[in-house]
C-alpha atoms as a PDB file:
ATOM      1  CA  MET A   1      88.328 -66.733 114.124  1.00  0.00           C
ATOM      2  CA  ASN A   2      91.336 -65.844 111.968  1.00  0.00           C
ATOM      3  CA  PRO A   3      93.566 -64.441 114.694  1.00  0.00           C
ATOM      4  CA  TRP A   4      95.291 -62.346 111.509  1.00  0.00           C
ATOM      5  CA  GLN A   5      93.322 -59.029 111.510  1.00  0.00           C
ATOM      6  CA  ALA A   6      93.778 -55.935 108.492  1.00  0.00           C
ATOM      7  CA  ALA A   7      94.674 -53.565 110.208  1.00  0.00           C
ATOM      8  CA  LEU A   8      97.912 -52.715 112.876  1.00  0.00           C
ATOM      9  CA  LEU A   9      96.149 -50.668 116.067  1.00  0.00           C
ATOM     10  CA  GLY A  10      97.850 -49.216 118.458  1.00  0.00           C
ATOM     11  CA  ALA A  11     101.645 -48.352 118.903  1.00  0.00           C
ATOM     12  CA  ASN A  12     103.801 -50.270 117.594  1.00  0.00           C
ATOM     13  CA  PRO A  13     107.717 -50.677 117.175  1.00  0.00           C
ATOM     14  CA  TYR A  14     107.448 -52.287 114.174  1.00  0.00           C
ATOM     15  CA  ARG A  15     104.816 -50.033 111.730  1.00  0.00           C
ATOM     16  CA  ASP A  16     106.529 -49.055 109.508  1.00  0.00           C
ATOM     17  CA  TRP A  17     108.393 -52.506 108.514  1.00  0.00           C
ATOM     18  CA  LEU A  18     104.921 -54.627 108.724  1.00  0.00           C
ATOM     19  CA  ALA A  19     102.279 -51.684 106.547  1.00  0.00           C
ATOM     20  CA  ASP A  20     105.316 -51.222 103.850  1.00  0.00           C
ATOM     21  CA  HIS A  21     103.989 -53.042 101.255  1.00  0.00           C
ATOM     22  CA  GLY A  22     106.720 -52.729  99.175  1.00  0.00           C
ATOM     23  CA  SER A  23     109.540 -55.287  98.796  1.00  0.00           C
ATOM     24  CA  LEU A  24     110.664 -56.685 101.622  1.00  0.00           C
ATOM     25  CA  THR A  25     113.903 -57.858 100.768  1.00  0.00           C
ATOM     26  CA  ARG A  26     114.837 -53.812  98.458  1.00  0.00           C
ATOM     27  CA  ARG A  27     114.183 -52.210 101.428  1.00  0.00           C
ATOM     28  CA  LEU A  28     116.345 -54.968 104.117  1.00  0.00           C
ATOM     29  CA  GLN A  29     118.995 -54.325 100.942  1.00  0.00           C
ATOM     30  CA  ALA A  30     119.070 -50.835 100.726  1.00  0.00           C
ATOM     31  CA  ARG A  31     119.900 -50.331 104.513  1.00  0.00           C
ATOM     32  CA  CYS A  32     122.268 -53.813 105.530  1.00  0.00           C
ATOM     33  CA  PRO A  33     125.941 -53.159 104.171  1.00  0.00           C
ATOM     34  CA  SER A  34     125.531 -57.007 104.015  1.00  0.00           C
ATOM     35  CA  PHE A  35     122.808 -58.850 102.618  1.00  0.00           C
ATOM     36  CA  ALA A  36     121.787 -62.631 103.393  1.00  0.00           C
ATOM     37  CA  VAL A  37     120.161 -65.208 102.891  1.00  0.00           C
ATOM     38  CA  ARG A  38     120.106 -68.299 104.832  1.00  0.00           C
ATOM     39  CA  ARG A  39     117.633 -71.513 103.284  1.00  0.00           C
ATOM     40  CA  LEU A  40     116.471 -73.367 106.789  1.00  0.00           C
ATOM     41  CA  LYS A  41     114.372 -76.117 105.233  1.00  0.00           C
ATOM     42  CA  GLN A  42     113.009 -75.728 102.017  1.00  0.00           C
ATOM     43  CA  GLY A  43     110.547 -79.378 101.250  1.00  0.00           C
ATOM     44  CA  ILE A  44     107.173 -81.021 101.363  1.00  0.00           C
ATOM     45  CA  ALA A  45     105.522 -80.739 104.892  1.00  0.00           C
ATOM     46  CA  ARG A  46     102.274 -79.785 105.791  1.00  0.00           C
ATOM     47  CA  PRO A  47     101.338 -75.877 106.702  1.00  0.00           C
ATOM     48  CA  HIS A  48     100.319 -74.659 109.765  1.00  0.00           C
ATOM     49  CA  ARG A  49      96.537 -74.682 110.909  1.00  0.00           C
ATOM     50  CA  ASP A  50      96.167 -70.679 109.480  1.00  0.00           C
ATOM     51  CA  GLU A  51      97.709 -71.669 106.035  1.00  0.00           C
ATOM     52  CA  TYR A  52      95.262 -73.827 104.498  1.00  0.00           C
ATOM     53  CA  ALA A  53      92.426 -71.413 102.787  1.00  0.00           C
ATOM     54  CA  GLU A  54      94.489 -69.145 102.456  1.00  0.00           C
ATOM     55  CA  ILE A  55      95.938 -70.672  99.451  1.00  0.00           C
ATOM     56  CA  ALA A  56      92.837 -72.755  99.176  1.00  0.00           C
ATOM     57  CA  LEU A  57      94.489 -75.943 100.246  1.00  0.00           C
ATOM     58  CA  ALA A  58      92.432 -79.586 101.561  1.00  0.00           C
ATOM     59  CA  PRO A  59      93.192 -79.731 106.187  1.00  0.00           C
ATOM     60  CA  GLY A  60      96.344 -82.026 106.439  1.00  0.00           C
ATOM     61  CA  HIS A  61      97.403 -82.371 102.932  1.00  0.00           C
ATOM     62  CA  LEU A  62     100.534 -81.424 102.076  1.00  0.00           C
ATOM     63  CA  ALA A  63     102.420 -78.604 100.559  1.00  0.00           C
ATOM     64  CA  VAL A  64     105.900 -77.439  99.752  1.00  0.00           C
ATOM     65  CA  VAL A  65     107.367 -75.095 102.487  1.00  0.00           C
ATOM     66  CA  ARG A  66     110.523 -72.775 102.829  1.00  0.00           C
ATOM     67  CA  GLU A  67     112.116 -71.408 105.278  1.00  0.00           C
ATOM     68  CA  VAL A  68     115.055 -69.313 105.237  1.00  0.00           C
ATOM     69  CA  LEU A  69     116.182 -66.159 107.641  1.00  0.00           C
ATOM     70  CA  LEU A  70     116.878 -62.631 106.283  1.00  0.00           C
ATOM     71  CA  LEU A  71     120.649 -61.500 107.569  1.00  0.00           C
ATOM     72  CA  CYS A  72     121.798 -57.816 108.196  1.00  0.00           C
ATOM     73  CA  ALA A  73     126.052 -57.831 108.391  1.00  0.00           C
ATOM     74  CA  GLY A  74     124.758 -61.479 109.253  1.00  0.00           C
ATOM     75  CA  LYS A  75     122.056 -60.708 111.842  1.00  0.00           C
ATOM     76  CA  PRO A  76     119.096 -62.355 111.857  1.00  0.00           C
ATOM     77  CA  VAL A  77     116.221 -59.461 110.754  1.00  0.00           C
ATOM     78  CA  VAL A  78     113.214 -61.954 109.516  1.00  0.00           C
ATOM     79  CA  PHE A  79     112.835 -64.929 109.552  1.00  0.00           C
ATOM     80  CA  ALA A  80     109.982 -65.889 106.044  1.00  0.00           C
ATOM     81  CA  HIS A  81     107.636 -68.859 105.781  1.00  0.00           C
ATOM     82  CA  SER A  82     106.291 -69.912 102.407  1.00  0.00           C
ATOM     83  CA  VAL A  83     103.753 -71.667 101.366  1.00  0.00           C
ATOM     84  CA  VAL A  84     103.054 -73.520  97.671  1.00  0.00           C
ATOM     85  CA  LYS A  85     100.751 -75.856  96.978  1.00  0.00           C
ATOM     86  CA  LEU A  86     102.446 -79.213  95.436  1.00  0.00           C
ATOM     87  CA  GLU A  87     100.899 -78.167  92.374  1.00  0.00           C
ATOM     88  CA  GLY A  88     102.380 -74.822  92.225  1.00  0.00           C
ATOM     89  CA  LEU A  89     105.430 -76.406  91.780  1.00  0.00           C
ATOM     90  CA  ARG A  90     105.532 -77.439  88.781  1.00  0.00           C
ATOM     91  CA  GLY A  91     103.475 -75.051  87.037  1.00  0.00           C
ATOM     92  CA  PRO A  92     103.675 -70.991  87.763  1.00  0.00           C
ATOM     93  CA  TRP A  93     106.132 -71.549  91.339  1.00  0.00           C
ATOM     94  CA  VAL A  94     108.597 -74.315  88.837  1.00  0.00           C
ATOM     95  CA  GLY A  95     111.308 -71.547  89.992  1.00  0.00           C
ATOM     96  CA  LEU A  96     111.033 -71.886  93.600  1.00  0.00           C
ATOM     97  CA  GLY A  97     113.331 -75.125  93.658  1.00  0.00           C
ATOM     98  CA  LYS A  98     115.259 -72.904  92.432  1.00  0.00           C
ATOM     99  CA  LEU A  99     116.444 -70.216  94.385  1.00  0.00           C
ATOM    100  CA  GLY A 100     118.338 -71.781  97.145  1.00  0.00           C
ATOM    101  CA  ASN A 101     119.571 -69.307  98.962  1.00  0.00           C
ATOM    102  CA  LYS A 102     118.091 -66.670  97.040  1.00  0.00           C
ATOM    103  CA  PRO A 103     115.029 -64.326  97.677  1.00  0.00           C
ATOM    104  CA  LEU A 104     111.668 -65.342  96.931  1.00  0.00           C
ATOM    105  CA  GLY A 105     110.971 -61.996  97.647  1.00  0.00           C
ATOM    106  CA  ALA A 106     113.224 -60.501  94.719  1.00  0.00           C
ATOM    107  CA  ALA A 107     111.427 -63.211  92.467  1.00  0.00           C
ATOM    108  CA  LEU A 108     107.845 -62.114  93.406  1.00  0.00           C
ATOM    109  CA  PHE A 109     108.786 -58.762  92.353  1.00  0.00           C
ATOM    110  CA  ALA A 110     110.300 -58.574  90.203  1.00  0.00           C
ATOM    111  CA  ASN A 111     107.653 -60.604  87.709  1.00  0.00           C
ATOM    112  CA  PRO A 112     104.483 -57.927  86.594  1.00  0.00           C
ATOM    113  CA  LYS A 113     102.066 -61.146  86.452  1.00  0.00           C
ATOM    114  CA  VAL A 114     102.593 -61.179  89.976  1.00  0.00           C
ATOM    115  CA  GLN A 115      99.175 -59.980  92.180  1.00  0.00           C
ATOM    116  CA  ARG A 116      99.683 -59.462  95.913  1.00  0.00           C
ATOM    117  CA  HIS A 117      97.056 -59.546  98.095  1.00  0.00           C
ATOM    118  CA  PRO A 118      96.380 -57.119 100.978  1.00  0.00           C
ATOM    119  CA  LEU A 119      98.647 -57.770 103.931  1.00  0.00           C
ATOM    120  CA  GLU A 120      97.697 -59.289 107.067  1.00  0.00           C
ATOM    121  CA  PHE A 121      99.504 -59.005 110.731  1.00  0.00           C
ATOM    122  CA  GLN A 122      99.397 -61.122 114.253  1.00  0.00           C
ATOM    123  CA  ARG A 123     101.778 -61.368 117.119  1.00  0.00           C
ATOM    124  CA  LEU A 124     102.969 -64.312 118.246  1.00  0.00           C
ATOM    125  CA  ASP A 125     103.539 -66.168 121.228  1.00  0.00           C
ATOM    126  CA  ALA A 126     104.747 -69.186 122.166  1.00  0.00           C
ATOM    127  CA  ARG A 127     101.230 -71.166 121.252  1.00  0.00           C
ATOM    128  CA  HIS A 128     102.334 -70.331 117.228  1.00  0.00           C
ATOM    129  CA  PRO A 129     104.132 -72.380 115.189  1.00  0.00           C
ATOM    130  CA  LEU A 130     106.082 -70.116 113.370  1.00  0.00           C
ATOM    131  CA  TYR A 131     106.809 -67.664 116.300  1.00  0.00           C
ATOM    132  CA  ARG A 132     108.813 -71.328 118.208  1.00  0.00           C
ATOM    133  CA  ALA A 133     110.598 -71.597 114.263  1.00  0.00           C
ATOM    134  CA  ALA A 134     111.905 -68.241 114.206  1.00  0.00           C
ATOM    135  CA  ALA A 135     112.727 -67.748 118.170  1.00  0.00           C
ATOM    136  CA  ALA A 136     114.952 -70.520 117.360  1.00  0.00           C
ATOM    137  CA  GLN A 137     116.759 -68.821 115.510  1.00  0.00           C
ATOM    138  CA  ILE A 138     117.795 -65.677 118.399  1.00  0.00           C
ATOM    139  CA  ASP A 139     119.420 -65.332 121.426  1.00  0.00           C
ATOM    140  CA  HIS A 140     117.275 -63.531 124.002  1.00  0.00           C
ATOM    141  CA  ALA A 141     113.515 -64.169 121.632  1.00  0.00           C
ATOM    142  CA  PRO A 142     110.980 -61.595 123.107  1.00  0.00           C
ATOM    143  CA  ARG A 143     107.898 -63.142 124.501  1.00  0.00           C
ATOM    144  CA  SER A 144     106.314 -61.414 121.021  1.00  0.00           C
ATOM    145  CA  LEU A 145     106.598 -61.209 117.207  1.00  0.00           C
ATOM    146  CA  TRP A 146     105.315 -59.095 114.811  1.00  0.00           C
ATOM    147  CA  ALA A 147     104.228 -60.800 111.370  1.00  0.00           C
ATOM    148  CA  ARG A 148     102.532 -60.284 108.746  1.00  0.00           C
ATOM    149  CA  ARG A 149     101.458 -62.367 105.812  1.00  0.00           C
ATOM    150  CA  SER A 150     100.459 -61.532 102.033  1.00  0.00           C
ATOM    151  CA  ARG A 151      98.940 -64.283  99.023  1.00  0.00           C
ATOM    152  CA  PHE A 152     100.603 -63.934  95.856  1.00  0.00           C
ATOM    153  CA  GLU A 153      99.072 -65.371  92.623  1.00  0.00           C
ATOM    154  CA  LEU A 154     100.782 -65.999  89.469  1.00  0.00           C
ATOM    155  CA  ASP A 155      98.091 -67.271  86.929  1.00  0.00           C
ATOM    156  CA  GLY A 156      95.771 -68.043  89.452  1.00  0.00           C
ATOM    157  CA  SER A 157      98.310 -70.261  91.839  1.00  0.00           C
ATOM    158  CA  PRO A 158      98.672 -68.512  95.246  1.00  0.00           C
ATOM    159  CA  ILE A 159     102.335 -68.855  97.195  1.00  0.00           C
ATOM    160  CA  LEU A 160     101.918 -67.337 101.407  1.00  0.00           C
ATOM    161  CA  VAL A 161     104.720 -65.489 102.245  1.00  0.00           C
ATOM    162  CA  THR A 162     105.231 -64.842 105.820  1.00  0.00           C
ATOM    163  CA  GLU A 163     107.523 -63.242 107.395  1.00  0.00           C
ATOM    164  CA  VAL A 164     108.038 -62.599 111.115  1.00  0.00           C
ATOM    165  CA  PHE A 165     110.578 -59.296 112.813  1.00  0.00           C
ATOM    166  CA  LEU A 166     113.228 -60.647 114.611  1.00  0.00           C
ATOM    167  CA  PRO A 167     113.928 -57.610 117.343  1.00  0.00           C
ATOM    168  CA  GLU A 168     117.709 -56.768 115.352  1.00  0.00           C
ATOM    169  CA  VAL A 169     115.567 -55.032 112.239  1.00  0.00           C
ATOM    170  CA  LEU A 170     114.392 -52.220 114.691  1.00  0.00           C
ATOM    171  CA  CYS A 171     117.870 -51.498 114.986  1.00  0.00           C
ATOM    172  CA  LEU A 172     118.626 -50.856 111.275  1.00  0.00           C
ATOM    173  CA  PRO A 173     118.687 -47.453 109.723  1.00  0.00           C
END
């Protein structure tokens, strides 16, 4: 069973953030006096179990994994995690290796050839590695965090982008 759901059910304080189909980077930049990206890690690693099928990668194979924090006035508001096949980094996603502290979202939405697949949502808790990675970036993490993910494709090569929304995002106008 896939714990990622195609619809948001019930009341959810993060609904407006989760369901927005536009560029999260642009939305944050419009609301933050000083927006920044802090790269936490980028390198060759094993994706999480629930990510392999999304990028058509055989279980156990390696991929390029990038994790960043999106900051508003120095405060973490989103933990972002992206996964791309190794061959994608030598092909259509070659620019990913050169992003550094630049937002991936800006590059994805700037290229009209990039296709976005539907959003999926999940409430993450301490059992999920993305919860643990995101919670480690903030003080006083709640018992669960909401996340969304979407697969993007360029020339048939997928990249999976997951965004975990941190409580501070609810303080933005």
